[in-house]
Each structure stands twice: as structure tokens, then as C-alpha cells.
Amino acid sequence: MSMRISTMQIYNGGTAGIQNLQSDLYSAQNQVSTGRRIVTPKDDPIGAAQALMVTQAGAVNELYLKNQGAADSKLSALDSTLQGINEELVNIYEKSIAAGNGAYSDSDRKAIAAELAERLDSLVSLANTQDGNGRYVFAGFQSTTTPFSGSPVTYAGDDGQQKLQVTASQFVTTNLSGNDVFVNVVDANGVSTGQSMFQSVQDMITFLNTPGGSAGSPAYTDALKNISASIDNVLRNQATVGARQSSLESMSNTAEDRKVQYAQQLSAIEDLDYAKAITEISQKKLQLEATQATFAKTAQLSLFSYI
């Protein structure tokens, strides 16, 4: 049994073939213009799915990198504030040592006491340091409340730890509570002084303002010892901040390495082999031109051409 092919079938088949070739050629040209092998999912469904997974993993990694940067910025600012506190305390300690000179008169000691009072105000100001958003850095979760005020100076914050997620399973604390730095003072041997940094300085000021004070008196030696312990306590907290920054640096290095790896993986999946693509375009152009020429001649054929 013979099959009869109508002129309409020939025409439809020819135009469909040309359209398919034109579509393939357009896709190949689009790949070259974008530099990507996978422009739409239909170009490579499996590869497109893999690229999506890599892109999503890279986006999460970028988020962690951003959080690591934010955490490091907060810790750097915190360390800078602690350094300012340490410098004030060291100056107070040195002035207090000098005030123990037996040759100093009551008026000399009062002059030093007046300077220490100014430095105590500076310490309170540093304890009430605010970040770029106007939040108090030593107030714990009570970051909108002034943590230190009054006479004697009292703490209105809490021990809340502000944390940022910096990896899938790790968080970094970006603050120190006022209790840890200023209130619960611990010396280099881990022994608590039982009083705040501010009270220790105030005790020294009170001693220096008392006529006839002696460097051998318990009031002087205790105040001096407690100021020294306050310095040790600040250095301990600085070490804590430094350890967190060191840990963050390692995490950031790992995240940067992953960023490069994700970029390489995505490149291997999506990037175009230009030499291969250009060869393919040339072949498709030649095929399209041949098909168009053949179709043009075929479309002209009819029975009337032979009558």
C-alpha cells in the first residue's frame, strides 16, 4: 500500500524543520553572547539543577561571610573601647602610686584626687559607650538603657549575650556585659575583689581627699590593689575578645575558600566552550541555509510544472 504525501504536509514539515533549526541557532548564539552554556533550564535540565544548588549554597555562604564581617566589626569596636578603659585605669594606677609619696602634702593629694575624679567620669562615659546604632555596648540585652549612672555608680543592664550566626552551626558573641567588665572584677589570680571598678577608684579618691593619709594605711593599699585587679580584669576581657576575633578570622578564611570553590563549580557547570560553540553555530547556519534552499525548491514543485 503506497502512502500519498500532500503538498500541505511537505510545506508544514519543511517550515517546522526550518523553525527548529532557527531556534537551535538562536539558542547557540544566545549562549555565545552570554558566555554561558546553560541560559535556560531546557539547555541542560540536570546541569541547571546542579547550578541552582551551587548558587544557593554560595548565597548562604555569602550571608555567613557578611555576618562574620559584622561580628568582627563589633568586636573590633569593643576591643578599642576596652583599650581606652585600660589606658584610663593605668593612668589612675600610676597617679595613685605617685600619691603614695610621703613627701606629698594633703593639698598635693587633693589635686591628684581631683584628676582621678575626672578620670572616673571618663571611665563611666566609656562604660556607657554606644555603637553606630545608638545602642549601649555594655548593657547586655538592655541596650537602649544607659547601663551605668548614679553615685555610687550602679549597673542597669543585664548579662545578655548578643550573638550572630557565622556558620551553619556556630554563633559568635559580639558583646561583653557591664557586669563582666566593670562590676564583677576578678584579679589575675581569679580572685574577686567584691566591688566594682568604679568603687575601687572612688575609694582611692576618698583616701586622697582625707587629710593626713598614709601610704601604709589599709585604705590606700586596698584601693591600689583593687585598681590593679581592675586592670587585670579588663585585660582578661580583651583576651576574650581577641580569641573571638581569632576564631572569626579562621571562619572567614574558610568561607572565602568556599566562595572560590562555589565559583569554580558554577563555572564548570555553566561556562561555555567558545570554540565548540562557534563551530556549532557555523554548522547550524550551514544546515539552516541548506534546508532553506531545499525547501524553497521543493515548495515550487507541483503537478502543473509537468503539464
C-alpha atoms as a PDB file:
ATOM      1  CA  MET A   1       0.000   0.000   0.000  1.00  0.00           C
ATOM      2  CA  SER A   2       1.531   3.317  -1.078  1.00  0.00           C
ATOM      3  CA  MET A   3       1.461   6.480   1.079  1.00  0.00           C
ATOM      4  CA  ARG A   4       0.409   9.724  -0.524  1.00  0.00           C
ATOM      5  CA  ILE A   5       2.066  12.873   0.832  1.00  0.00           C
ATOM      6  CA  SER A   6       0.158  16.055   0.178  1.00  0.00           C
ATOM      7  CA  THR A   7       1.682  19.398  -0.735  1.00  0.00           C
ATOM      8  CA  MET A   8       0.458  20.779   2.610  1.00  0.00           C
ATOM      9  CA  GLN A   9       2.341  18.052   4.502  1.00  0.00           C
ATOM     10  CA  ILE A  10       5.508  18.856   2.607  1.00  0.00           C
ATOM     11  CA  TYR A  11       5.087  22.552   3.354  1.00  0.00           C
ATOM     12  CA  ASN A  12       4.310  22.061   7.060  1.00  0.00           C
ATOM     13  CA  GLY A  13       7.166  19.623   7.522  1.00  0.00           C
ATOM     14  CA  GLY A  14       9.604  21.958   5.799  1.00  0.00           C
ATOM     15  CA  THR A  15       8.599  25.028   7.779  1.00  0.00           C
ATOM     16  CA  ALA A  16       8.703  23.084  11.064  1.00  0.00           C
ATOM     17  CA  GLY A  17      12.207  21.877  10.277  1.00  0.00           C
ATOM     18  CA  ILE A  18      13.376  25.405   9.449  1.00  0.00           C
ATOM     19  CA  GLN A  19      11.822  26.804  12.640  1.00  0.00           C
ATOM     20  CA  ASN A  20      13.547  24.145  14.753  1.00  0.00           C
ATOM     21  CA  LEU A  21      16.893  24.924  13.164  1.00  0.00           C
ATOM     22  CA  GLN A  22      16.348  28.652  13.651  1.00  0.00           C
ATOM     23  CA  SER A  23      15.513  28.046  17.308  1.00  0.00           C
ATOM     24  CA  ASP A  24      18.652  25.935  17.778  1.00  0.00           C
ATOM     25  CA  LEU A  25      20.751  28.593  16.070  1.00  0.00           C
ATOM     26  CA  TYR A  26      19.264  31.331  18.256  1.00  0.00           C
ATOM     27  CA  SER A  27      19.991  29.289  21.393  1.00  0.00           C
ATOM     28  CA  ALA A  28      23.587  28.740  20.334  1.00  0.00           C
ATOM     29  CA  GLN A  29      24.053  32.448  19.540  1.00  0.00           C
ATOM     30  CA  ASN A  30      22.493  33.372  22.893  1.00  0.00           C
ATOM     31  CA  GLN A  31      24.961  31.074  24.652  1.00  0.00           C
ATOM     32  CA  VAL A  32      27.883  32.821  22.957  1.00  0.00           C
ATOM     33  CA  SER A  33      26.553  36.295  23.794  1.00  0.00           C
ATOM     34  CA  THR A  34      26.078  35.414  27.481  1.00  0.00           C
ATOM     35  CA  GLY A  35      29.152  33.210  27.810  1.00  0.00           C
ATOM     36  CA  ARG A  36      27.030  30.546  29.490  1.00  0.00           C
ATOM     37  CA  ARG A  37      26.296  27.043  28.320  1.00  0.00           C
ATOM     38  CA  ILE A  38      23.080  26.961  30.343  1.00  0.00           C
ATOM     39  CA  VAL A  39      20.960  30.021  29.622  1.00  0.00           C
ATOM     40  CA  THR A  40      17.608  28.396  30.311  1.00  0.00           C
ATOM     41  CA  PRO A  41      16.866  25.099  32.118  1.00  0.00           C
ATOM     42  CA  LYS A  42      15.946  23.407  28.846  1.00  0.00           C
ATOM     43  CA  ASP A  43      19.558  23.781  27.670  1.00  0.00           C
ATOM     44  CA  ASP A  44      20.592  21.197  30.281  1.00  0.00           C
ATOM     45  CA  PRO A  45      17.962  20.298  32.906  1.00  0.00           C
ATOM     46  CA  ILE A  46      20.375  18.283  35.072  1.00  0.00           C
ATOM     47  CA  GLY A  47      23.102  20.902  34.842  1.00  0.00           C
ATOM     48  CA  ALA A  48      20.582  23.668  35.614  1.00  0.00           C
ATOM     49  CA  ALA A  49      19.520  21.823  38.774  1.00  0.00           C
ATOM     50  CA  GLN A  50      23.146  21.405  39.848  1.00  0.00           C
ATOM     51  CA  ALA A  51      23.847  25.078  39.143  1.00  0.00           C
ATOM     52  CA  LEU A  52      20.854  26.079  41.266  1.00  0.00           C
ATOM     53  CA  MET A  53      22.119  24.016  44.191  1.00  0.00           C
ATOM     54  CA  VAL A  54      25.601  25.527  43.938  1.00  0.00           C
ATOM     55  CA  THR A  55      24.150  29.045  43.653  1.00  0.00           C
ATOM     56  CA  GLN A  56      22.000  28.543  46.748  1.00  0.00           C
ATOM     57  CA  ALA A  57      24.945  27.170  48.726  1.00  0.00           C
ATOM     58  CA  GLY A  58      27.027  30.157  47.605  1.00  0.00           C
ATOM     59  CA  ALA A  59      24.296  32.588  48.697  1.00  0.00           C
ATOM     60  CA  VAL A  60      24.202  31.032  52.186  1.00  0.00           C
ATOM     61  CA  ASN A  61      27.991  31.220  52.370  1.00  0.00           C
ATOM     62  CA  GLU A  62      27.836  34.914  51.406  1.00  0.00           C
ATOM     63  CA  LEU A  63      25.373  35.516  54.240  1.00  0.00           C
ATOM     64  CA  TYR A  64      27.736  33.903  56.720  1.00  0.00           C
ATOM     65  CA  LEU A  65      30.613  35.988  55.358  1.00  0.00           C
ATOM     66  CA  LYS A  66      28.527  39.117  55.863  1.00  0.00           C
ATOM     67  CA  ASN A  67      27.716  38.095  59.443  1.00  0.00           C
ATOM     68  CA  GLN A  68      31.369  37.309  60.109  1.00  0.00           C
ATOM     69  CA  GLY A  69      32.313  40.782  58.891  1.00  0.00           C
ATOM     70  CA  ALA A  70      29.634  42.387  61.068  1.00  0.00           C
ATOM     71  CA  ALA A  71      30.758  40.368  64.097  1.00  0.00           C
ATOM     72  CA  ASP A  72      34.397  41.300  63.554  1.00  0.00           C
ATOM     73  CA  SER A  73      33.464  44.974  63.223  1.00  0.00           C
ATOM     74  CA  LYS A  74      31.565  44.868  66.529  1.00  0.00           C
ATOM     75  CA  LEU A  75      34.404  43.050  68.273  1.00  0.00           C
ATOM     76  CA  SER A  76      36.999  45.469  66.901  1.00  0.00           C
ATOM     77  CA  ALA A  77      34.998  48.422  68.246  1.00  0.00           C
ATOM     78  CA  LEU A  78      34.625  46.618  71.577  1.00  0.00           C
ATOM     79  CA  ASP A  79      38.356  45.960  71.781  1.00  0.00           C
ATOM     80  CA  SER A  80      39.063  49.627  71.019  1.00  0.00           C
ATOM     81  CA  THR A  81      36.782  50.693  73.888  1.00  0.00           C
ATOM     82  CA  LEU A  82      38.421  48.218  76.260  1.00  0.00           C
ATOM     83  CA  GLN A  83      41.802  49.621  75.279  1.00  0.00           C
ATOM     84  CA  GLY A  84      40.596  53.121  76.186  1.00  0.00           C
ATOM     85  CA  ILE A  85      39.347  51.817  79.545  1.00  0.00           C
ATOM     86  CA  ASN A  86      42.674  50.112  80.189  1.00  0.00           C
ATOM     87  CA  GLU A  87      44.601  53.301  79.414  1.00  0.00           C
ATOM     88  CA  GLU A  88      42.456  55.293  81.859  1.00  0.00           C
ATOM     89  CA  LEU A  89      42.969  52.673  84.579  1.00  0.00           C
ATOM     90  CA  VAL A  90      46.723  52.508  84.026  1.00  0.00           C
ATOM     91  CA  ASN A  91      46.913  56.303  84.322  1.00  0.00           C
ATOM     92  CA  ILE A  92      44.797  56.200  87.501  1.00  0.00           C
ATOM     93  CA  TYR A  93      47.049  53.476  88.922  1.00  0.00           C
ATOM     94  CA  GLU A  94      50.221  55.434  88.129  1.00  0.00           C
ATOM     95  CA  LYS A  95      48.794  58.601  89.691  1.00  0.00           C
ATOM     96  CA  SER A  96      47.780  56.589  92.756  1.00  0.00           C
ATOM     97  CA  ILE A  97      51.295  55.166  93.088  1.00  0.00           C
ATOM     98  CA  ALA A  98      52.715  58.686  92.889  1.00  0.00           C
ATOM     99  CA  ALA A  99      50.253  59.860  95.553  1.00  0.00           C
ATOM    100  CA  GLY A 100      51.823  57.382  97.974  1.00  0.00           C
ATOM    101  CA  ASN A 101      54.936  59.562  98.122  1.00  0.00           C
ATOM    102  CA  GLY A 102      55.370  60.570 101.763  1.00  0.00           C
ATOM    103  CA  ALA A 103      56.653  63.975 100.686  1.00  0.00           C
ATOM    104  CA  TYR A 104      53.234  64.898  99.215  1.00  0.00           C
ATOM    105  CA  SER A 105      51.104  67.255 101.256  1.00  0.00           C
ATOM    106  CA  ASP A 106      47.370  66.997 101.771  1.00  0.00           C
ATOM    107  CA  SER A 107      46.863  69.615  99.062  1.00  0.00           C
ATOM    108  CA  ASP A 108      49.060  67.642  96.646  1.00  0.00           C
ATOM    109  CA  ARG A 109      46.955  64.541  97.237  1.00  0.00           C
ATOM    110  CA  LYS A 110      43.725  66.511  96.798  1.00  0.00           C
ATOM    111  CA  ALA A 111      44.999  67.747  93.432  1.00  0.00           C
ATOM    112  CA  ILE A 112      45.591  64.160  92.362  1.00  0.00           C
ATOM    113  CA  ALA A 113      42.165  63.209  93.724  1.00  0.00           C
ATOM    114  CA  ALA A 114      40.581  65.916  91.549  1.00  0.00           C
ATOM    115  CA  GLU A 115      42.311  64.482  88.478  1.00  0.00           C
ATOM    116  CA  LEU A 116      41.220  60.947  89.389  1.00  0.00           C
ATOM    117  CA  ALA A 117      37.646  62.204  89.737  1.00  0.00           C
ATOM    118  CA  GLU A 118      37.818  63.463  86.145  1.00  0.00           C
ATOM    119  CA  ARG A 119      39.194  60.118  85.016  1.00  0.00           C
ATOM    120  CA  LEU A 120      36.454  58.292  86.906  1.00  0.00           C
ATOM    121  CA  ASP A 121      33.904  60.300  84.922  1.00  0.00           C
ATOM    122  CA  SER A 122      35.755  59.269  81.766  1.00  0.00           C
ATOM    123  CA  LEU A 123      35.550  55.613  82.826  1.00  0.00           C
ATOM    124  CA  VAL A 124      31.791  55.898  83.337  1.00  0.00           C
ATOM    125  CA  SER A 125      31.492  57.550  79.930  1.00  0.00           C
ATOM    126  CA  LEU A 126      33.428  54.694  78.327  1.00  0.00           C
ATOM    127  CA  ALA A 127      31.229  52.191  80.163  1.00  0.00           C
ATOM    128  CA  ASN A 128      28.236  53.918  78.523  1.00  0.00           C
ATOM    129  CA  THR A 129      29.722  53.691  75.024  1.00  0.00           C
ATOM    130  CA  GLN A 130      27.156  53.401  72.216  1.00  0.00           C
ATOM    131  CA  ASP A 131      27.544  51.723  68.840  1.00  0.00           C
ATOM    132  CA  GLY A 132      26.691  53.234  65.452  1.00  0.00           C
ATOM    133  CA  ASN A 133      23.013  52.483  66.030  1.00  0.00           C
ATOM    134  CA  GLY A 134      22.922  54.269  69.360  1.00  0.00           C
ATOM    135  CA  ARG A 135      22.810  51.079  71.439  1.00  0.00           C
ATOM    136  CA  TYR A 136      24.864  50.701  74.609  1.00  0.00           C
ATOM    137  CA  VAL A 137      27.540  48.062  74.079  1.00  0.00           C
ATOM    138  CA  PHE A 138      27.933  47.039  77.740  1.00  0.00           C
ATOM    139  CA  ALA A 139      24.224  46.803  78.626  1.00  0.00           C
ATOM    140  CA  GLY A 140      23.548  43.210  77.545  1.00  0.00           C
ATOM    141  CA  PHE A 141      20.008  42.901  76.178  1.00  0.00           C
ATOM    142  CA  GLN A 142      19.057  46.245  77.785  1.00  0.00           C
ATOM    143  CA  SER A 143      20.923  48.050  75.026  1.00  0.00           C
ATOM    144  CA  THR A 144      18.545  51.022  74.907  1.00  0.00           C
ATOM    145  CA  THR A 145      19.018  51.771  78.620  1.00  0.00           C
ATOM    146  CA  THR A 146      22.011  53.714  79.963  1.00  0.00           C
ATOM    147  CA  PRO A 147      23.862  50.954  81.842  1.00  0.00           C
ATOM    148  CA  PHE A 148      25.867  52.993  84.373  1.00  0.00           C
ATOM    149  CA  SER A 149      24.732  56.017  86.355  1.00  0.00           C
ATOM    150  CA  GLY A 150      24.363  57.461  89.824  1.00  0.00           C
ATOM    151  CA  SER A 151      26.663  57.909  92.777  1.00  0.00           C
ATOM    152  CA  PRO A 152      27.757  55.359  93.691  1.00  0.00           C
ATOM    153  CA  VAL A 153      27.696  54.098  90.116  1.00  0.00           C
ATOM    154  CA  THR A 154      25.181  51.276  89.630  1.00  0.00           C
ATOM    155  CA  TYR A 155      24.505  48.898  86.737  1.00  0.00           C
ATOM    156  CA  ALA A 156      21.106  48.885  84.985  1.00  0.00           C
ATOM    157  CA  GLY A 157      21.935  46.363  82.249  1.00  0.00           C
ATOM    158  CA  ASP A 158      21.919  42.561  82.284  1.00  0.00           C
ATOM    159  CA  ASP A 159      24.161  39.652  81.298  1.00  0.00           C
ATOM    160  CA  GLY A 160      22.504  39.069  77.904  1.00  0.00           C
ATOM    161  CA  GLN A 161      24.801  37.809  75.143  1.00  0.00           C
ATOM    162  CA  GLN A 162      24.271  39.303  71.690  1.00  0.00           C
ATOM    163  CA  LYS A 163      25.149  36.683  69.082  1.00  0.00           C
ATOM    164  CA  LEU A 164      25.477  36.426  65.317  1.00  0.00           C
ATOM    165  CA  GLN A 165      25.319  33.153  63.380  1.00  0.00           C
ATOM    166  CA  VAL A 166      28.572  32.915  61.464  1.00  0.00           C
ATOM    167  CA  THR A 167      28.430  29.314  60.165  1.00  0.00           C
ATOM    168  CA  ALA A 168      25.733  26.669  59.882  1.00  0.00           C
ATOM    169  CA  SER A 169      26.458  25.529  63.424  1.00  0.00           C
ATOM    170  CA  GLN A 170      28.378  28.370  65.106  1.00  0.00           C
ATOM    171  CA  PHE A 171      27.422  31.636  66.776  1.00  0.00           C
ATOM    172  CA  VAL A 172      29.782  34.370  67.964  1.00  0.00           C
ATOM    173  CA  THR A 173      29.030  36.584  70.952  1.00  0.00           C
ATOM    174  CA  THR A 174      29.691  40.188  69.923  1.00  0.00           C
ATOM    175  CA  ASN A 175      29.358  41.926  73.284  1.00  0.00           C
ATOM    176  CA  LEU A 176      30.530  41.888  76.895  1.00  0.00           C
ATOM    177  CA  SER A 177      28.181  42.662  79.750  1.00  0.00           C
ATOM    178  CA  GLY A 178      28.880  45.520  82.121  1.00  0.00           C
ATOM    179  CA  ASN A 179      28.933  43.031  84.966  1.00  0.00           C
ATOM    180  CA  ASP A 180      31.882  41.165  83.440  1.00  0.00           C
ATOM    181  CA  VAL A 181      33.961  44.248  82.688  1.00  0.00           C
ATOM    182  CA  PHE A 182      33.133  46.752  85.427  1.00  0.00           C
ATOM    183  CA  VAL A 183      31.196  45.134  88.283  1.00  0.00           C
ATOM    184  CA  ASN A 184      32.405  41.594  88.961  1.00  0.00           C
ATOM    185  CA  VAL A 185      36.097  42.446  88.973  1.00  0.00           C
ATOM    186  CA  VAL A 186      38.473  39.475  89.147  1.00  0.00           C
ATOM    187  CA  ASP A 187      42.248  39.816  89.549  1.00  0.00           C
ATOM    188  CA  ALA A 188      44.961  37.956  87.656  1.00  0.00           C
ATOM    189  CA  ASN A 189      44.663  35.011  90.075  1.00  0.00           C
ATOM    190  CA  GLY A 190      40.933  34.681  89.541  1.00  0.00           C
ATOM    191  CA  VAL A 191      40.097  36.184  92.928  1.00  0.00           C
ATOM    192  CA  SER A 192      37.093  38.503  93.088  1.00  0.00           C
ATOM    193  CA  THR A 193      37.623  41.946  94.642  1.00  0.00           C
ATOM    194  CA  GLY A 194      33.987  42.050  95.706  1.00  0.00           C
ATOM    195  CA  GLN A 195      33.470  45.536  94.333  1.00  0.00           C
ATOM    196  CA  SER A 196      33.191  47.393  91.066  1.00  0.00           C
ATOM    197  CA  MET A 197      35.946  49.138  89.166  1.00  0.00           C
ATOM    198  CA  PHE A 198      34.268  52.461  89.864  1.00  0.00           C
ATOM    199  CA  GLN A 199      34.122  51.856  93.606  1.00  0.00           C
ATOM    200  CA  SER A 200      37.816  50.984  93.671  1.00  0.00           C
ATOM    201  CA  VAL A 201      38.700  54.286  92.020  1.00  0.00           C
ATOM    202  CA  GLN A 202      36.281  56.138  94.277  1.00  0.00           C
ATOM    203  CA  ASP A 203      37.927  54.555  97.313  1.00  0.00           C
ATOM    204  CA  MET A 204      41.264  55.932  96.157  1.00  0.00           C
ATOM    205  CA  ILE A 205      39.745  59.392  95.619  1.00  0.00           C
ATOM    206  CA  THR A 206      38.211  59.302  99.104  1.00  0.00           C
ATOM    207  CA  PHE A 207      41.560  58.335 100.640  1.00  0.00           C
ATOM    208  CA  LEU A 208      43.410  61.115  98.811  1.00  0.00           C
ATOM    209  CA  ASN A 209      40.861  63.680  99.971  1.00  0.00           C
ATOM    210  CA  THR A 210      41.271  62.597 103.595  1.00  0.00           C
ATOM    211  CA  PRO A 211      43.800  64.796 105.477  1.00  0.00           C
ATOM    212  CA  GLY A 212      46.811  63.029 106.950  1.00  0.00           C
ATOM    213  CA  GLY A 213      46.530  59.939 104.770  1.00  0.00           C
ATOM    214  CA  SER A 214      49.428  57.494 104.836  1.00  0.00           C
ATOM    215  CA  ALA A 215      50.630  55.209 102.047  1.00  0.00           C
ATOM    216  CA  GLY A 216      50.866  52.455 104.622  1.00  0.00           C
ATOM    217  CA  SER A 217      47.192  52.602 105.554  1.00  0.00           C
ATOM    218  CA  PRO A 218      44.896  49.686 104.613  1.00  0.00           C
ATOM    219  CA  ALA A 219      42.565  52.111 102.792  1.00  0.00           C
ATOM    220  CA  TYR A 220      45.348  53.077 100.392  1.00  0.00           C
ATOM    221  CA  THR A 221      46.811  49.601  99.838  1.00  0.00           C
ATOM    222  CA  ASP A 222      43.372  48.015  99.343  1.00  0.00           C
ATOM    223  CA  ALA A 223      42.275  50.680  96.867  1.00  0.00           C
ATOM    224  CA  LEU A 224      45.547  50.350  94.960  1.00  0.00           C
ATOM    225  CA  LYS A 225      45.267  46.553  94.890  1.00  0.00           C
ATOM    226  CA  ASN A 226      41.687  46.741  93.622  1.00  0.00           C
ATOM    227  CA  ILE A 227      42.578  49.203  90.878  1.00  0.00           C
ATOM    228  CA  SER A 228      45.334  46.822  89.783  1.00  0.00           C
ATOM    229  CA  ALA A 229      42.780  43.983  89.766  1.00  0.00           C
ATOM    230  CA  SER A 230      40.503  46.142  87.594  1.00  0.00           C
ATOM    231  CA  ILE A 231      43.316  46.445  85.060  1.00  0.00           C
ATOM    232  CA  ASP A 232      43.788  42.662  85.109  1.00  0.00           C
ATOM    233  CA  ASN A 233      40.047  42.200  84.620  1.00  0.00           C
ATOM    234  CA  VAL A 234      39.983  44.463  81.568  1.00  0.00           C
ATOM    235  CA  LEU A 235      42.972  42.636  80.074  1.00  0.00           C
ATOM    236  CA  ARG A 236      41.182  39.312  80.634  1.00  0.00           C
ATOM    237  CA  ASN A 237      38.136  40.615  78.784  1.00  0.00           C
ATOM    238  CA  GLN A 238      40.355  41.922  75.990  1.00  0.00           C
ATOM    239  CA  ALA A 239      41.841  38.439  75.683  1.00  0.00           C
ATOM    240  CA  THR A 240      38.314  37.036  75.384  1.00  0.00           C
ATOM    241  CA  VAL A 241      37.521  39.469  72.575  1.00  0.00           C
ATOM    242  CA  GLY A 242      40.825  38.655  70.875  1.00  0.00           C
ATOM    243  CA  ALA A 243      40.078  34.928  70.990  1.00  0.00           C
ATOM    244  CA  ARG A 244      36.704  35.520  69.357  1.00  0.00           C
ATOM    245  CA  GLN A 245      38.322  37.601  66.617  1.00  0.00           C
ATOM    246  CA  SER A 246      40.924  34.917  66.017  1.00  0.00           C
ATOM    247  CA  SER A 247      38.186  32.311  65.681  1.00  0.00           C
ATOM    248  CA  LEU A 248      36.298  34.581  63.282  1.00  0.00           C
ATOM    249  CA  GLU A 249      39.401  35.019  61.145  1.00  0.00           C
ATOM    250  CA  SER A 250      39.675  31.238  60.696  1.00  0.00           C
ATOM    251  CA  MET A 251      35.980  31.018  59.807  1.00  0.00           C
ATOM    252  CA  SER A 252      36.291  33.868  57.308  1.00  0.00           C
ATOM    253  CA  ASN A 253      39.285  32.229  55.636  1.00  0.00           C
ATOM    254  CA  THR A 254      37.307  29.006  55.286  1.00  0.00           C
ATOM    255  CA  ALA A 255      34.268  30.871  53.943  1.00  0.00           C
ATOM    256  CA  GLU A 256      36.423  32.735  51.404  1.00  0.00           C
ATOM    257  CA  ASP A 257      37.877  29.414  50.231  1.00  0.00           C
ATOM    258  CA  ARG A 258      34.358  28.043  49.835  1.00  0.00           C
ATOM    259  CA  LYS A 259      33.366  31.130  47.878  1.00  0.00           C
ATOM    260  CA  VAL A 260      36.132  30.395  45.373  1.00  0.00           C
ATOM    261  CA  GLN A 261      35.162  26.713  45.238  1.00  0.00           C
ATOM    262  CA  TYR A 262      31.499  27.526  44.566  1.00  0.00           C
ATOM    263  CA  ALA A 263      32.516  29.926  41.797  1.00  0.00           C
ATOM    264  CA  GLN A 264      34.692  27.241  40.234  1.00  0.00           C
ATOM    265  CA  GLN A 265      31.921  24.638  40.468  1.00  0.00           C
ATOM    266  CA  LEU A 266      29.402  27.000  38.906  1.00  0.00           C
ATOM    267  CA  SER A 267      31.871  27.858  36.153  1.00  0.00           C
ATOM    268  CA  ALA A 268      32.440  24.181  35.393  1.00  0.00           C
ATOM    269  CA  ILE A 269      28.681  23.642  35.087  1.00  0.00           C
ATOM    270  CA  GLU A 270      27.611  26.784  33.266  1.00  0.00           C
ATOM    271  CA  ASP A 271      30.557  28.250  31.369  1.00  0.00           C
ATOM    272  CA  LEU A 272      30.650  27.890  27.621  1.00  0.00           C
ATOM    273  CA  ASP A 273      33.332  26.253  25.494  1.00  0.00           C
ATOM    274  CA  TYR A 274      33.596  29.084  22.960  1.00  0.00           C
ATOM    275  CA  ALA A 275      35.498  27.124  20.319  1.00  0.00           C
ATOM    276  CA  LYS A 276      32.928  24.340  20.409  1.00  0.00           C
ATOM    277  CA  ALA A 277      30.025  26.802  20.421  1.00  0.00           C
ATOM    278  CA  ILE A 278      31.313  28.781  17.437  1.00  0.00           C
ATOM    279  CA  THR A 279      31.850  25.573  15.472  1.00  0.00           C
ATOM    280  CA  GLU A 280      28.331  24.510  16.341  1.00  0.00           C
ATOM    281  CA  ILE A 281      26.916  27.870  15.171  1.00  0.00           C
ATOM    282  CA  SER A 282      28.733  27.542  11.854  1.00  0.00           C
ATOM    283  CA  GLN A 283      27.334  24.039  11.380  1.00  0.00           C
ATOM    284  CA  LYS A 284      23.805  25.125  12.266  1.00  0.00           C
ATOM    285  CA  LYS A 285      24.000  28.086   9.897  1.00  0.00           C
ATOM    286  CA  LEU A 286      25.144  25.814   7.074  1.00  0.00           C
ATOM    287  CA  GLN A 287      22.422  23.293   7.894  1.00  0.00           C
ATOM    288  CA  LEU A 288      19.778  26.027   8.023  1.00  0.00           C
ATOM    289  CA  GLU A 289      20.862  27.530   4.725  1.00  0.00           C
ATOM    290  CA  ALA A 290      20.820  24.105   3.054  1.00  0.00           C
ATOM    291  CA  THR A 291      17.396  23.337   4.482  1.00  0.00           C
ATOM    292  CA  GLN A 292      16.004  26.683   3.392  1.00  0.00           C
ATOM    293  CA  ALA A 293      17.359  26.247  -0.124  1.00  0.00           C
ATOM    294  CA  THR A 294      15.974  22.701  -0.363  1.00  0.00           C
ATOM    295  CA  PHE A 295      12.601  23.795   0.968  1.00  0.00           C
ATOM    296  CA  ALA A 296      12.414  26.681  -1.494  1.00  0.00           C
ATOM    297  CA  LYS A 297      12.908  24.319  -4.430  1.00  0.00           C
ATOM    298  CA  THR A 298      10.567  21.682  -3.031  1.00  0.00           C
ATOM    299  CA  ALA A 299       7.845  24.228  -2.378  1.00  0.00           C
ATOM    300  CA  GLN A 300       7.917  25.264  -6.065  1.00  0.00           C
ATOM    301  CA  LEU A 301       7.144  21.746  -7.262  1.00  0.00           C
ATOM    302  CA  SER A 302       3.597  20.973  -8.402  1.00  0.00           C
ATOM    303  CA  LEU A 303       1.856  18.796 -10.997  1.00  0.00           C
ATOM    304  CA  PHE A 304       1.302  21.828 -13.213  1.00  0.00           C
ATOM    305  CA  SER A 305       5.068  22.114 -13.712  1.00  0.00           C
ATOM    306  CA  TYR A 306       4.916  18.991 -15.867  1.00  0.00           C
ATOM    307  CA  ILE A 307       1.802  19.688 -17.925  1.00  0.00           C
END
